Amino acid sequence: MSEQKQPGLIRDSFPVGPLQCNCTIIGDPISKKCIVIDPGGDADLILSRAQSQGLTIVALIHTHAHLDHFLASGELKEKTGAPIYLHKEDQFLWDALETQCRMFGVPYKPVPPPDFWLKDDEQLPCCNGVAMHTPGHSPGSMSFWFGDDKLLIAGDTLFRGAIGRTDLWGGDFATIEKSIKTRLYTLDEEAVVVTGHGPDTTIGAEIRGNMVVRG
């Protein structure tokens, strides 16, 4: 008798907020639990897209703490009760949300402090995802790897043909280069990469074609 293959994850990625950050909903098709990665605005849209697929949000997870990646976090936590996750080294950015918003001319909405601090190689609350500490764009930048589905959520660490800027608070080129080469480029080359802004790419395409960090 052949083994029945488990259905793949539900994945819905779409731009949100004034800076068009890519928000991603990752859902378990069996339990119907989901996580929201980088809720950067448009809380009602995020909630409706999760609900339209019968999913319940159980965690709000952040690749890093620049304002465009968590503008809807407070409102979503209020509406769903889902806890907020972030790497500890980006707490200084989280605490400076009002200053960040002022600098970029974005309306400030108070956000509560994170409930949990993410650690490298930590299992995510559902969907068999693993947190990877990939600093460089910010000190606490994280990527999230879903190995069974060959899916990477890279935040602003890696883009199609480019990398995240390193001239913002706590950014460092040598650090992001190391993160990309030693952590991301060692993943399956067929893996789809959901970037923080713009279109998806693959690990293999970036290893061979990224002109900033070559594999």
Protein backbone atom coordinates (compact mmCIF):
# COMPACT_ATOMS: atom_id res chain seq x y z
CA MET A 1 0.00 0.00 0.00
CA SER A 2 1.54 3.34 -1.06
CA GLU A 3 2.11 6.02 1.53
CA GLN A 4 -0.27 8.95 1.19
CA LYS A 5 1.55 12.24 0.63
CA GLN A 6 0.67 15.08 2.96
CA PRO A 7 -0.75 18.17 1.22
CA GLY A 8 1.63 21.11 0.90
CA LEU A 9 1.46 24.26 2.95
CA ILE A 10 -0.93 27.05 2.11
CA ARG A 11 1.13 30.08 1.09
CA ASP A 12 -0.27 33.52 0.31
CA SER A 13 2.19 36.38 -0.26
CA PHE A 14 1.04 39.90 -1.12
CA PRO A 15 2.28 43.51 -0.71
CA VAL A 16 0.86 45.59 2.13
CA GLY A 17 1.26 49.01 3.67
CA PRO A 18 2.65 52.30 2.39
CA LEU A 19 6.04 50.77 1.51
CA GLN A 20 4.58 47.62 -0.09
CA CYS A 21 6.28 45.07 2.13
CA ASN A 22 5.53 41.47 1.19
CA CYS A 23 3.36 39.91 3.89
CA THR A 24 3.11 36.11 3.84
CA ILE A 25 0.48 33.84 5.35
CA ILE A 26 1.73 30.28 5.88
CA GLY A 27 -1.03 27.83 6.75
CA ASP A 28 -1.25 24.18 7.72
CA PRO A 29 -3.92 22.55 5.50
CA ILE A 30 -4.72 19.96 8.17
CA SER A 31 -4.89 21.95 11.41
CA LYS A 32 -5.93 25.17 9.65
CA LYS A 33 -3.54 27.11 11.87
CA CYS A 34 -1.41 29.78 10.24
CA ILE A 35 1.34 32.26 10.93
CA VAL A 36 1.59 35.75 9.46
CA ILE A 37 5.11 36.83 8.54
CA ASP A 38 5.79 40.58 8.28
CA PRO A 39 2.32 42.16 8.75
CA GLY A 40 3.46 45.51 7.39
CA GLY A 41 0.07 47.17 7.09
CA ASP A 42 -3.54 46.62 5.99
CA ALA A 43 -4.59 44.52 8.99
CA ASP A 44 -8.14 43.95 7.71
CA LEU A 45 -6.83 42.69 4.36
CA ILE A 46 -4.45 40.24 6.07
CA LEU A 47 -7.20 38.97 8.35
CA SER A 48 -9.70 38.56 5.52
CA ARG A 49 -7.20 36.64 3.36
CA ALA A 50 -6.50 34.23 6.21
CA GLN A 51 -10.18 33.80 6.97
CA SER A 52 -11.06 33.25 3.30
CA GLN A 53 -8.98 30.06 3.43
CA GLY A 54 -10.43 28.96 6.76
CA LEU A 55 -7.19 29.71 8.62
CA THR A 56 -6.73 30.83 12.23
CA ILE A 57 -3.77 33.13 12.93
CA VAL A 58 -1.69 31.76 15.81
CA ALA A 59 1.46 33.91 15.55
CA LEU A 60 2.73 37.19 14.11
CA ILE A 61 6.34 36.64 13.10
CA HIS A 62 8.82 39.28 11.92
CA THR A 63 11.91 39.02 9.77
CA HIS A 64 13.16 42.26 11.34
CA ALA A 65 11.92 45.43 12.98
CA HIS A 66 11.93 48.12 10.31
CA LEU A 67 8.60 49.94 10.36
CA ASP A 68 7.31 48.62 7.02
CA HIS A 69 7.37 45.04 8.32
CA PHE A 70 5.16 45.48 11.41
CA LEU A 71 2.80 48.42 10.96
CA ALA A 72 -0.25 46.12 11.33
CA SER A 73 1.13 43.98 14.15
CA GLY A 74 -0.61 45.80 16.99
CA GLU A 75 -4.01 45.80 15.30
CA LEU A 76 -3.72 42.13 14.34
CA LYS A 77 -2.71 41.13 17.84
CA GLU A 78 -5.70 43.04 19.21
CA LYS A 79 -8.09 41.30 16.80
CA THR A 80 -6.67 37.77 16.97
CA GLY A 81 -4.80 37.48 20.26
CA ALA A 82 -1.83 36.06 18.34
CA PRO A 83 1.56 36.66 20.01
CA ILE A 84 4.34 38.71 18.40
CA TYR A 85 7.75 37.16 17.62
CA LEU A 86 11.02 39.01 16.91
CA HIS A 87 14.76 38.48 17.37
CA LYS A 88 16.06 40.18 20.50
CA GLU A 89 18.79 42.09 18.67
CA ASP A 90 16.15 44.14 16.84
CA GLN A 91 14.43 45.30 20.02
CA PHE A 92 16.05 48.75 19.71
CA LEU A 93 14.33 49.19 16.33
CA TRP A 94 11.00 47.95 17.69
CA ASP A 95 11.24 50.42 20.56
CA ALA A 96 11.89 53.24 18.05
CA LEU A 97 8.80 52.66 15.90
CA GLU A 98 7.47 56.18 16.43
CA THR A 99 10.82 57.68 15.39
CA GLN A 100 10.98 55.44 12.31
CA CYS A 101 7.46 56.44 11.27
CA ARG A 102 8.26 60.11 11.69
CA MET A 103 11.40 59.82 9.55
CA PHE A 104 9.49 58.16 6.70
CA GLY A 105 6.32 60.26 7.02
CA VAL A 106 4.15 57.28 7.95
CA PRO A 107 1.31 57.58 10.51
CA TYR A 108 2.32 56.11 13.86
CA LYS A 109 0.20 53.36 15.42
CA PRO A 110 1.37 52.06 18.83
CA VAL A 111 2.54 48.45 18.83
CA PRO A 112 2.92 46.34 21.99
CA PRO A 113 6.29 44.79 22.82
CA PRO A 114 7.10 41.35 21.40
CA ASP A 115 5.80 38.37 23.36
CA PHE A 116 8.61 36.00 22.34
CA TRP A 117 12.22 36.41 21.24
CA LEU A 118 13.14 34.23 18.28
CA LYS A 119 16.37 32.24 18.38
CA ASP A 120 18.48 30.74 15.61
CA ASP A 121 17.30 27.27 14.55
CA GLU A 122 14.12 27.61 16.62
CA GLN A 123 11.02 25.73 15.46
CA LEU A 124 8.17 28.06 14.52
CA PRO A 125 4.74 27.65 16.20
CA CYS A 126 3.27 25.72 13.25
CA CYS A 127 3.86 24.57 9.67
CA ASN A 128 7.28 22.97 10.41
CA GLY A 129 9.16 26.19 9.81
CA VAL A 130 12.59 26.94 11.25
CA ALA A 131 13.95 30.37 12.18
CA MET A 132 17.38 31.27 10.81
CA HIS A 133 19.33 34.23 12.19
CA THR A 134 20.63 36.03 9.08
CA PRO A 135 21.92 39.41 10.33
CA GLY A 136 23.30 42.18 8.16
CA HIS A 137 20.28 44.18 7.01
CA SER A 138 19.66 44.63 10.73
CA PRO A 139 21.31 42.94 13.71
CA GLY A 140 18.29 40.73 14.37
CA SER A 141 17.25 39.92 10.81
CA MET A 142 15.72 36.46 10.46
CA SER A 143 14.83 34.20 7.55
CA PHE A 144 12.32 31.35 7.81
CA TRP A 145 12.86 27.97 6.16
CA PHE A 146 10.10 25.49 5.35
CA GLY A 147 12.20 22.58 4.18
CA ASP A 148 9.41 20.14 3.29
CA ASP A 149 8.02 22.68 0.82
CA LYS A 150 11.38 24.13 -0.31
CA LEU A 151 10.25 27.60 0.70
CA LEU A 152 12.31 30.43 2.21
CA ILE A 153 10.93 33.69 3.58
CA ALA A 154 13.99 35.96 3.36
CA GLY A 155 12.69 39.34 4.48
CA ASP A 156 15.03 42.10 3.38
CA THR A 157 18.14 39.91 3.45
CA LEU A 158 17.88 38.66 -0.15
CA PHE A 159 16.05 40.05 -3.18
CA ARG A 160 15.86 39.01 -6.81
CA GLY A 161 19.23 40.10 -8.17
CA ALA A 162 19.99 42.21 -5.09
CA ILE A 163 20.34 42.22 -1.30
CA GLY A 164 18.95 44.30 1.54
CA ARG A 165 20.49 47.71 2.11
CA THR A 166 23.06 47.95 4.88
CA ASP A 167 23.13 51.73 5.43
CA LEU A 168 20.26 51.75 7.93
CA TRP A 169 20.49 51.32 11.72
CA GLY A 170 22.75 48.38 12.58
CA GLY A 171 23.28 47.28 8.97
CA ASP A 172 26.60 45.82 7.85
CA PHE A 173 27.61 44.56 4.39
CA ALA A 174 30.19 41.99 5.52
CA THR A 175 27.63 40.51 7.91
CA ILE A 176 24.82 40.23 5.35
CA GLU A 177 27.21 38.76 2.81
CA LYS A 178 28.21 36.07 5.30
CA SER A 179 24.57 35.36 6.16
CA ILE A 180 23.67 34.90 2.51
CA LYS A 181 26.67 32.77 1.59
CA THR A 182 26.81 30.53 4.65
CA ARG A 183 23.10 30.18 5.46
CA LEU A 184 20.89 30.93 2.45
CA TYR A 185 23.07 29.73 -0.42
CA THR A 186 23.49 26.36 1.30
CA LEU A 187 19.76 25.64 0.99
CA ASP A 188 18.16 23.63 -1.83
CA GLU A 189 18.75 25.47 -5.11
CA GLU A 190 15.18 24.76 -6.19
CA ALA A 191 13.77 26.54 -3.14
CA VAL A 192 11.45 29.47 -3.79
CA VAL A 193 12.52 32.66 -2.03
CA VAL A 194 9.84 35.11 -0.90
CA THR A 195 11.60 38.45 -0.67
CA GLY A 196 10.72 41.39 1.56
CA HIS A 197 9.80 43.53 -1.45
CA GLY A 198 9.24 42.66 -5.09
CA PRO A 199 8.99 39.31 -6.89
CA ASP A 200 9.93 35.83 -5.74
CA THR A 201 13.17 34.22 -6.85
CA THR A 202 14.97 30.91 -6.21
CA ILE A 203 18.13 30.06 -4.31
CA GLY A 204 19.74 28.69 -7.48
CA ALA A 205 18.95 31.82 -9.50
CA GLU A 206 20.61 34.01 -6.88
CA ILE A 207 23.68 31.78 -6.51
CA ARG A 208 24.29 32.09 -10.24
CA GLY A 209 22.92 35.52 -11.05
CA ASN A 210 23.00 37.83 -8.02
CA MET A 211 25.58 40.49 -8.90
CA VAL A 212 25.99 41.70 -5.32
CA VAL A 213 26.63 38.39 -3.54
CA ARG A 214 27.69 35.58 -5.88
CA GLY A 215 27.52 31.97 -4.82
